[in-house]
Amino acid sequence: MNNKNENSIEKVSDLGLASLLVTLKVEMVGLEKIDSAPRINFIFKKDAWVEQIIKDYWNDKQLSVPVQTLFNNRKALINRMRAV
């Protein structure tokens, strides 16, 4: 991807964070397999709101989301990972 595209995306390898972003309706634009490790990057569109969500997640801030939706999204992401 070119530099402009790199600045407008956020790559996330943490399944919990990716599940949260999907639950909050952040647009996921793709998946990327990391060759050097058995990991997957979930690729999301990035803006200031997304950056704040990520910061809050890593700072263990309390966030309110529908729990069933969060876990359903987690299962869906695991299925997508297995397909890559």
PDB file of N, CA and C in Angstrom:
ATOM      1  N   MET A   1       0.838  -1.180   0.000  1.00  0.00           N
ATOM      2  CA  MET A   1       0.000   0.000   0.000  1.00  0.00           C
ATOM      3  C   MET A   1       0.879   1.238   0.000  1.00  0.00           C
ATOM      4  N   ASN A   2       0.379   2.275  -0.623  1.00  0.00           N
ATOM      5  CA  ASN A   2       1.198   3.477  -0.631  1.00  0.00           C
ATOM      6  C   ASN A   2       1.060   4.203   0.700  1.00  0.00           C
ATOM      7  N   ASN A   3       1.886   5.236   0.903  1.00  0.00           N
ATOM      8  CA  ASN A   3       1.955   5.929   2.176  1.00  0.00           C
ATOM      9  C   ASN A   3       0.625   6.561   2.562  1.00  0.00           C
ATOM     10  N   LYS A   4      -0.097   7.130   1.614  1.00  0.00           N
ATOM     11  CA  LYS A   4      -1.391   7.745   1.917  1.00  0.00           C
ATOM     12  C   LYS A   4      -2.361   6.693   2.451  1.00  0.00           C
ATOM     13  N   ASN A   5      -2.400   5.526   1.831  1.00  0.00           N
ATOM     14  CA  ASN A   5      -3.272   4.453   2.306  1.00  0.00           C
ATOM     15  C   ASN A   5      -2.842   3.948   3.676  1.00  0.00           C
ATOM     16  N   GLU A   6      -1.533   3.861   3.924  1.00  0.00           N
ATOM     17  CA  GLU A   6      -1.029   3.398   5.213  1.00  0.00           C
ATOM     18  C   GLU A   6      -1.483   4.318   6.334  1.00  0.00           C
ATOM     19  N   ASN A   7      -1.596   5.619   6.070  1.00  0.00           N
ATOM     20  CA  ASN A   7      -2.017   6.569   7.093  1.00  0.00           C
ATOM     21  C   ASN A   7      -3.510   6.525   7.350  1.00  0.00           C
ATOM     22  N   SER A   8      -4.273   5.958   6.441  1.00  0.00           N
ATOM     23  CA  SER A   8      -5.728   5.939   6.599  1.00  0.00           C
ATOM     24  C   SER A   8      -6.241   4.585   7.072  1.00  0.00           C
ATOM     25  N   ILE A   9      -5.324   3.672   7.400  1.00  0.00           N
ATOM     26  CA  ILE A   9      -5.731   2.356   7.904  1.00  0.00           C
ATOM     27  C   ILE A   9      -5.058   2.082   9.243  1.00  0.00           C
ATOM     28  N   GLU A  10      -5.673   1.189   9.975  1.00  0.00           N
ATOM     29  CA  GLU A  10      -5.115   0.729  11.249  1.00  0.00           C
ATOM     30  C   GLU A  10      -5.050  -0.787  11.196  1.00  0.00           C
ATOM     31  N   LYS A  11      -3.858  -1.332  11.409  1.00  0.00           N
ATOM     32  CA  LYS A  11      -3.683  -2.783  11.446  1.00  0.00           C
ATOM     33  C   LYS A  11      -3.716  -3.239  12.891  1.00  0.00           C
ATOM     34  N   VAL A  12      -4.574  -4.215  13.150  1.00  0.00           N
ATOM     35  CA  VAL A  12      -4.796  -4.710  14.506  1.00  0.00           C
ATOM     36  C   VAL A  12      -4.614  -6.223  14.498  1.00  0.00           C
ATOM     37  N   SER A  13      -3.758  -6.738  15.380  1.00  0.00           N
ATOM     38  CA  SER A  13      -3.598  -8.190  15.469  1.00  0.00           C
ATOM     39  C   SER A  13      -4.267  -8.763  16.711  1.00  0.00           C
ATOM     40  N   ASP A  14      -4.742  -7.916  17.605  1.00  0.00           N
ATOM     41  CA  ASP A  14      -5.411  -8.354  18.829  1.00  0.00           C
ATOM     42  C   ASP A  14      -6.871  -8.679  18.531  1.00  0.00           C
ATOM     43  N   LEU A  15      -7.274  -9.929  18.770  1.00  0.00           N
ATOM     44  CA  LEU A  15      -8.631 -10.375  18.454  1.00  0.00           C
ATOM     45  C   LEU A  15      -9.682  -9.624  19.261  1.00  0.00           C
ATOM     46  N   GLY A  16      -9.411  -9.358  20.528  1.00  0.00           N
ATOM     47  CA  GLY A  16     -10.360  -8.634  21.361  1.00  0.00           C
ATOM     48  C   GLY A  16     -10.614  -7.233  20.846  1.00  0.00           C
ATOM     49  N   LEU A  17      -9.533  -6.535  20.485  1.00  0.00           N
ATOM     50  CA  LEU A  17      -9.663  -5.176  19.945  1.00  0.00           C
ATOM     51  C   LEU A  17     -10.387  -5.196  18.608  1.00  0.00           C
ATOM     52  N   ALA A  18     -10.039  -6.132  17.752  1.00  0.00           N
ATOM     53  CA  ALA A  18     -10.709  -6.231  16.451  1.00  0.00           C
ATOM     54  C   ALA A  18     -12.202  -6.503  16.642  1.00  0.00           C
ATOM     55  N   SER A  19     -12.541  -7.365  17.595  1.00  0.00           N
ATOM     56  CA  SER A  19     -13.947  -7.652  17.876  1.00  0.00           C
ATOM     57  C   SER A  19     -14.674  -6.401  18.349  1.00  0.00           C
ATOM     58  N   LEU A  20     -14.015  -5.623  19.196  1.00  0.00           N
ATOM     59  CA  LEU A  20     -14.604  -4.374  19.671  1.00  0.00           C
ATOM     60  C   LEU A  20     -14.834  -3.403  18.523  1.00  0.00           C
ATOM     61  N   LEU A  21     -13.844  -3.241  17.657  1.00  0.00           N
ATOM     62  CA  LEU A  21     -13.982  -2.310  16.529  1.00  0.00           C
ATOM     63  C   LEU A  21     -15.129  -2.720  15.612  1.00  0.00           C
ATOM     64  N   VAL A  22     -15.246  -4.004  15.335  1.00  0.00           N
ATOM     65  CA  VAL A  22     -16.354  -4.480  14.497  1.00  0.00           C
ATOM     66  C   VAL A  22     -17.691  -4.216  15.194  1.00  0.00           C
ATOM     67  N   THR A  23     -17.748  -4.465  16.483  1.00  0.00           N
ATOM     68  CA  THR A  23     -18.978  -4.232  17.241  1.00  0.00           C
ATOM     69  C   THR A  23     -19.381  -2.760  17.212  1.00  0.00           C
ATOM     70  N   LEU A  24     -18.389  -1.876  17.209  1.00  0.00           N
ATOM     71  CA  LEU A  24     -18.659  -0.440  17.156  1.00  0.00           C
ATOM     72  C   LEU A  24     -18.842   0.066  15.726  1.00  0.00           C
ATOM     73  N   LYS A  25     -18.929  -0.881  14.791  1.00  0.00           N
ATOM     74  CA  LYS A  25     -19.224  -0.591  13.382  1.00  0.00           C
ATOM     75  C   LYS A  25     -18.114   0.179  12.669  1.00  0.00           C
ATOM     76  N   VAL A  26     -16.868  -0.048  13.097  1.00  0.00           N
ATOM     77  CA  VAL A  26     -15.723   0.493  12.365  1.00  0.00           C
ATOM     78  C   VAL A  26     -15.537  -0.380  11.132  1.00  0.00           C
ATOM     79  N   GLU A  27     -15.342   0.244   9.991  1.00  0.00           N
ATOM     80  CA  GLU A  27     -15.240  -0.515   8.741  1.00  0.00           C
ATOM     81  C   GLU A  27     -13.934  -1.302   8.665  1.00  0.00           C
ATOM     82  N   MET A  28     -14.068  -2.628   8.558  1.00  0.00           N
ATOM     83  CA  MET A  28     -12.902  -3.473   8.345  1.00  0.00           C
ATOM     84  C   MET A  28     -12.718  -3.625   6.840  1.00  0.00           C
ATOM     85  N   VAL A  29     -11.526  -3.301   6.368  1.00  0.00           N
ATOM     86  CA  VAL A  29     -11.283  -3.318   4.923  1.00  0.00           C
ATOM     87  C   VAL A  29     -10.531  -4.551   4.458  1.00  0.00           C
ATOM     88  N   GLY A  30     -10.070  -5.385   5.396  1.00  0.00           N
ATOM     89  CA  GLY A  30      -9.406  -6.597   4.957  1.00  0.00           C
ATOM     90  C   GLY A  30      -8.679  -7.322   6.068  1.00  0.00           C
ATOM     91  N   LEU A  31      -8.077  -8.418   5.678  1.00  0.00           N
ATOM     92  CA  LEU A  31      -7.239  -9.236   6.553  1.00  0.00           C
ATOM     93  C   LEU A  31      -5.885  -9.392   5.879  1.00  0.00           C
ATOM     94  N   GLU A  32      -4.844  -9.519   6.681  1.00  0.00           N
ATOM     95  CA  GLU A  32      -3.498  -9.665   6.144  1.00  0.00           C
ATOM     96  C   GLU A  32      -2.774 -10.729   6.961  1.00  0.00           C
ATOM     97  N   LYS A  33      -2.345 -11.775   6.289  1.00  0.00           N
ATOM     98  CA  LYS A  33      -1.571 -12.814   6.971  1.00  0.00           C
ATOM     99  C   LYS A  33      -0.133 -12.326   7.106  1.00  0.00           C
ATOM    100  N   ILE A  34       0.419 -12.502   8.300  1.00  0.00           N
ATOM    101  CA  ILE A  34       1.799 -12.106   8.559  1.00  0.00           C
ATOM    102  C   ILE A  34       2.675 -13.326   8.327  1.00  0.00           C
ATOM    103  N   ASP A  35       3.550 -13.250   7.340  1.00  0.00           N
ATOM    104  CA  ASP A  35       4.363 -14.408   6.957  1.00  0.00           C
ATOM    105  C   ASP A  35       5.343 -14.839   8.033  1.00  0.00           C
ATOM    106  N   SER A  36       5.894 -13.874   8.762  1.00  0.00           N
ATOM    107  CA  SER A  36       6.943 -14.201   9.723  1.00  0.00           C
ATOM    108  C   SER A  36       6.405 -14.792  11.027  1.00  0.00           C
ATOM    109  N   ALA A  37       5.100 -14.797  11.195  1.00  0.00           N
ATOM    110  CA  ALA A  37       4.510 -15.332  12.424  1.00  0.00           C
ATOM    111  C   ALA A  37       3.127 -15.893  12.114  1.00  0.00           C
ATOM    112  N   PRO A  38       2.657 -16.781  12.944  1.00  0.00           N
ATOM    113  CA  PRO A  38       1.295 -17.306  12.706  1.00  0.00           C
ATOM    114  C   PRO A  38       0.248 -16.321  13.223  1.00  0.00           C
ATOM    115  N   ARG A  39       0.201 -15.147  12.614  1.00  0.00           N
ATOM    116  CA  ARG A  39      -0.714 -14.087  13.050  1.00  0.00           C
ATOM    117  C   ARG A  39      -1.447 -13.506  11.852  1.00  0.00           C
ATOM    118  N   ILE A  40      -2.527 -12.835  12.184  1.00  0.00           N
ATOM    119  CA  ILE A  40      -3.342 -12.142  11.189  1.00  0.00           C
ATOM    120  C   ILE A  40      -3.493 -10.698  11.631  1.00  0.00           C
ATOM    121  N   ASN A  41      -3.378  -9.766  10.696  1.00  0.00           N
ATOM    122  CA  ASN A  41      -3.737  -8.376  10.948  1.00  0.00           C
ATOM    123  C   ASN A  41      -5.138  -8.143  10.411  1.00  0.00           C
ATOM    124  N   PHE A  42      -5.979  -7.561  11.240  1.00  0.00           N
ATOM    125  CA  PHE A  42      -7.280  -7.083  10.796  1.00  0.00           C
ATOM    126  C   PHE A  42      -7.056  -5.629  10.403  1.00  0.00           C
ATOM    127  N   ILE A  43      -7.497  -5.248   9.228  1.00  0.00           N
ATOM    128  CA  ILE A  43      -7.227  -3.911   8.717  1.00  0.00           C
ATOM    129  C   ILE A  43      -8.515  -3.096   8.734  1.00  0.00           C
ATOM    130  N   PHE A  44      -8.471  -1.971   9.443  1.00  0.00           N
ATOM    131  CA  PHE A  44      -9.625  -1.102   9.610  1.00  0.00           C
ATOM    132  C   PHE A  44      -9.338   0.280   9.053  1.00  0.00           C
ATOM    133  N   LYS A  45     -10.397   0.969   8.621  1.00  0.00           N
ATOM    134  CA  LYS A  45     -10.270   2.381   8.278  1.00  0.00           C
ATOM    135  C   LYS A  45      -9.978   3.140   9.558  1.00  0.00           C
ATOM    136  N   LYS A  46      -9.088   4.126   9.466  1.00  0.00           N
ATOM    137  CA  LYS A  46      -8.651   4.844  10.648  1.00  0.00           C
ATOM    138  C   LYS A  46      -9.104   6.299  10.593  1.00  0.00           C
ATOM    139  N   ASP A  47      -9.552   6.794  11.729  1.00  0.00           N
ATOM    140  CA  ASP A  47      -9.806   8.213  11.915  1.00  0.00           C
ATOM    141  C   ASP A  47      -9.560   8.516  13.393  1.00  0.00           C
ATOM    142  N   ALA A  48      -9.807   9.746  13.818  1.00  0.00           N
ATOM    143  CA  ALA A  48      -9.528  10.132  15.204  1.00  0.00           C
ATOM    144  C   ALA A  48     -10.367   9.324  16.189  1.00  0.00           C
ATOM    145  N   TRP A  49     -11.618   9.019  15.835  1.00  0.00           N
ATOM    146  CA  TRP A  49     -12.491   8.241  16.718  1.00  0.00           C
ATOM    147  C   TRP A  49     -11.936   6.831  16.912  1.00  0.00           C
ATOM    148  N   VAL A  50     -11.486   6.216  15.829  1.00  0.00           N
ATOM    149  CA  VAL A  50     -10.908   4.868  15.911  1.00  0.00           C
ATOM    150  C   VAL A  50      -9.640   4.894  16.762  1.00  0.00           C
ATOM    151  N   GLU A  51      -8.813   5.898  16.573  1.00  0.00           N
ATOM    152  CA  GLU A  51      -7.598   6.013  17.384  1.00  0.00           C
ATOM    153  C   GLU A  51      -7.937   6.133  18.865  1.00  0.00           C
ATOM    154  N   GLN A  52      -9.008   6.865  19.197  1.00  0.00           N
ATOM    155  CA  GLN A  52      -9.418   7.021  20.592  1.00  0.00           C
ATOM    156  C   GLN A  52      -9.934   5.704  21.162  1.00  0.00           C
ATOM    157  N   ILE A  53     -10.703   4.961  20.372  1.00  0.00           N
ATOM    158  CA  ILE A  53     -11.189   3.645  20.818  1.00  0.00           C
ATOM    159  C   ILE A  53     -10.004   2.741  21.145  1.00  0.00           C
ATOM    160  N   ILE A  54      -9.018   2.722  20.267  1.00  0.00           N
ATOM    161  CA  ILE A  54      -7.836   1.874  20.472  1.00  0.00           C
ATOM    162  C   ILE A  54      -7.092   2.295  21.729  1.00  0.00           C
ATOM    163  N   LYS A  55      -6.915   3.583  21.907  1.00  0.00           N
ATOM    164  CA  LYS A  55      -6.237   4.099  23.102  1.00  0.00           C
ATOM    165  C   LYS A  55      -7.011   3.703  24.363  1.00  0.00           C
ATOM    166  N   ASP A  56      -8.336   3.873  24.333  1.00  0.00           N
ATOM    167  CA  ASP A  56      -9.164   3.503  25.482  1.00  0.00           C
ATOM    168  C   ASP A  56      -9.078   2.008  25.772  1.00  0.00           C
ATOM    169  N   TYR A  57      -9.054   1.194  24.726  1.00  0.00           N
ATOM    170  CA  TYR A  57      -8.950  -0.266  24.891  1.00  0.00           C
ATOM    171  C   TYR A  57      -7.651  -0.617  25.615  1.00  0.00           C
ATOM    172  N   TRP A  58      -6.540  -0.090  25.144  1.00  0.00           N
ATOM    173  CA  TRP A  58      -5.253  -0.429  25.740  1.00  0.00           C
ATOM    174  C   TRP A  58      -5.073   0.187  27.119  1.00  0.00           C
ATOM    175  N   ASN A  59      -5.804   1.265  27.421  1.00  0.00           N
ATOM    176  CA  ASN A  59      -5.751   1.867  28.757  1.00  0.00           C
ATOM    177  C   ASN A  59      -6.800   1.273  29.698  1.00  0.00           C
ATOM    178  N   ASP A  60      -7.468   0.215  29.244  1.00  0.00           N
ATOM    179  CA  ASP A  60      -8.447  -0.522  30.038  1.00  0.00           C
ATOM    180  C   ASP A  60      -9.595   0.367  30.530  1.00  0.00           C
ATOM    181  N   LYS A  61     -10.022   1.288  29.658  1.00  0.00           N
ATOM    182  CA  LYS A  61     -11.162   2.145  29.983  1.00  0.00           C
ATOM    183  C   LYS A  61     -12.438   1.331  29.864  1.00  0.00           C
ATOM    184  N   GLN A  62     -13.446   1.737  30.615  1.00  0.00           N
ATOM    185  CA  GLN A  62     -14.727   1.057  30.545  1.00  0.00           C
ATOM    186  C   GLN A  62     -15.464   1.495  29.284  1.00  0.00           C
ATOM    187  N   LEU A  63     -15.860   0.527  28.483  1.00  0.00           N
ATOM    188  CA  LEU A  63     -16.599   0.774  27.247  1.00  0.00           C
ATOM    189  C   LEU A  63     -17.901  -0.011  27.313  1.00  0.00           C
ATOM    190  N   SER A  64     -18.934   0.534  26.744  1.00  0.00           N
ATOM    191  CA  SER A  64     -20.233  -0.127  26.784  1.00  0.00           C
ATOM    192  C   SER A  64     -20.618  -0.600  25.388  1.00  0.00           C
ATOM    193  N   VAL A  65     -20.715  -1.908  25.239  1.00  0.00           N
ATOM    194  CA  VAL A  65     -21.137  -2.509  23.972  1.00  0.00           C
ATOM    195  C   VAL A  65     -22.056  -3.680  24.278  1.00  0.00           C
ATOM    196  N   PRO A  66     -22.917  -4.052  23.336  1.00  0.00           N
ATOM    197  CA  PRO A  66     -23.755  -5.245  23.539  1.00  0.00           C
ATOM    198  C   PRO A  66     -22.878  -6.502  23.599  1.00  0.00           C
ATOM    199  N   VAL A  67     -22.931  -7.189  24.717  1.00  0.00           N
ATOM    200  CA  VAL A  67     -22.032  -8.320  24.955  1.00  0.00           C
ATOM    201  C   VAL A  67     -22.254  -9.445  23.952  1.00  0.00           C
ATOM    202  N   GLN A  68     -23.493  -9.784  23.676  1.00  0.00           N
ATOM    203  CA  GLN A  68     -23.759 -10.873  22.735  1.00  0.00           C
ATOM    204  C   GLN A  68     -23.224 -10.528  21.346  1.00  0.00           C
ATOM    205  N   THR A  69     -23.392  -9.287  20.936  1.00  0.00           N
ATOM    206  CA  THR A  69     -22.868  -8.849  19.633  1.00  0.00           C
ATOM    207  C   THR A  69     -21.346  -8.920  19.609  1.00  0.00           C
ATOM    208  N   LEU A  70     -20.721  -8.506  20.704  1.00  0.00           N
ATOM    209  CA  LEU A  70     -19.256  -8.564  20.792  1.00  0.00           C
ATOM    210  C   LEU A  70     -18.753  -9.991  20.592  1.00  0.00           C
ATOM    211  N   PHE A  71     -19.367 -10.950  21.292  1.00  0.00           N
ATOM    212  CA  PHE A  71     -18.905 -12.336  21.186  1.00  0.00           C
ATOM    213  C   PHE A  71     -19.278 -12.980  19.850  1.00  0.00           C
ATOM    214  N   ASN A  72     -20.408 -12.596  19.290  1.00  0.00           N
ATOM    215  CA  ASN A  72     -20.752 -13.081  17.949  1.00  0.00           C
ATOM    216  C   ASN A  72     -19.751 -12.555  16.921  1.00  0.00           C
ATOM    217  N   ASN A  73     -19.346 -11.301  17.065  1.00  0.00           N
ATOM    218  CA  ASN A  73     -18.343 -10.739  16.151  1.00  0.00           C
ATOM    219  C   ASN A  73     -16.994 -11.416  16.338  1.00  0.00           C
ATOM    220  N   ARG A  74     -16.661 -11.764  17.568  1.00  0.00           N
ATOM    221  CA  ARG A  74     -15.405 -12.482  17.827  1.00  0.00           C
ATOM    222  C   ARG A  74     -15.408 -13.827  17.102  1.00  0.00           C
ATOM    223  N   LYS A  75     -16.522 -14.560  17.214  1.00  0.00           N
ATOM    224  CA  LYS A  75     -16.627 -15.850  16.524  1.00  0.00           C
ATOM    225  C   LYS A  75     -16.520 -15.677  15.013  1.00  0.00           C
ATOM    226  N   ALA A  76     -17.158 -14.643  14.494  1.00  0.00           N
ATOM    227  CA  ALA A  76     -17.108 -14.396  13.036  1.00  0.00           C
ATOM    228  C   ALA A  76     -15.676 -14.067  12.599  1.00  0.00           C
ATOM    229  N   LEU A  77     -14.941 -13.312  13.406  1.00  0.00           N
ATOM    230  CA  LEU A  77     -13.555 -12.985  13.060  1.00  0.00           C
ATOM    231  C   LEU A  77     -12.677 -14.230  13.098  1.00  0.00           C
ATOM    232  N   ILE A  78     -12.900 -15.102  14.057  1.00  0.00           N
ATOM    233  CA  ILE A  78     -12.135 -16.357  14.131  1.00  0.00           C
ATOM    234  C   ILE A  78     -12.392 -17.181  12.873  1.00  0.00           C
ATOM    235  N   ASN A  79     -13.635 -17.255  12.431  1.00  0.00           N
ATOM    236  CA  ASN A  79     -13.949 -17.992  11.202  1.00  0.00           C
ATOM    237  C   ASN A  79     -13.260 -17.374  10.005  1.00  0.00           C
ATOM    238  N   ARG A  80     -13.217 -16.049   9.933  1.00  0.00           N
ATOM    239  CA  ARG A  80     -12.527 -15.383   8.821  1.00  0.00           C
ATOM    240  C   ARG A  80     -11.032 -15.635   8.874  1.00  0.00           C
ATOM    241  N   MET A  81     -10.461 -15.678  10.086  1.00  0.00           N
ATOM    242  CA  MET A  81      -9.030 -15.961  10.225  1.00  0.00           C
ATOM    243  C   MET A  81      -8.703 -17.354   9.694  1.00  0.00           C
ATOM    244  N   ARG A  82      -9.547 -18.295  10.005  1.00  0.00           N
ATOM    245  CA  ARG A  82      -9.305 -19.679   9.568  1.00  0.00           C
ATOM    246  C   ARG A  82      -9.377 -19.825   8.062  1.00  0.00           C
ATOM    247  N   ALA A  83     -10.114 -18.933   7.413  1.00  0.00           N
ATOM    248  CA  ALA A  83     -10.266 -19.000   5.965  1.00  0.00           C
ATOM    249  C   ALA A  83      -9.079 -18.386   5.220  1.00  0.00           C
ATOM    250  N   VAL A  84      -8.224 -17.678   5.928  1.00  0.00           N
ATOM    251  CA  VAL A  84      -7.071 -17.013   5.285  1.00  0.00           C
ATOM    252  C   VAL A  84      -5.928 -17.984   5.154  1.00  0.00           C
TER     253      VAL A  84
END
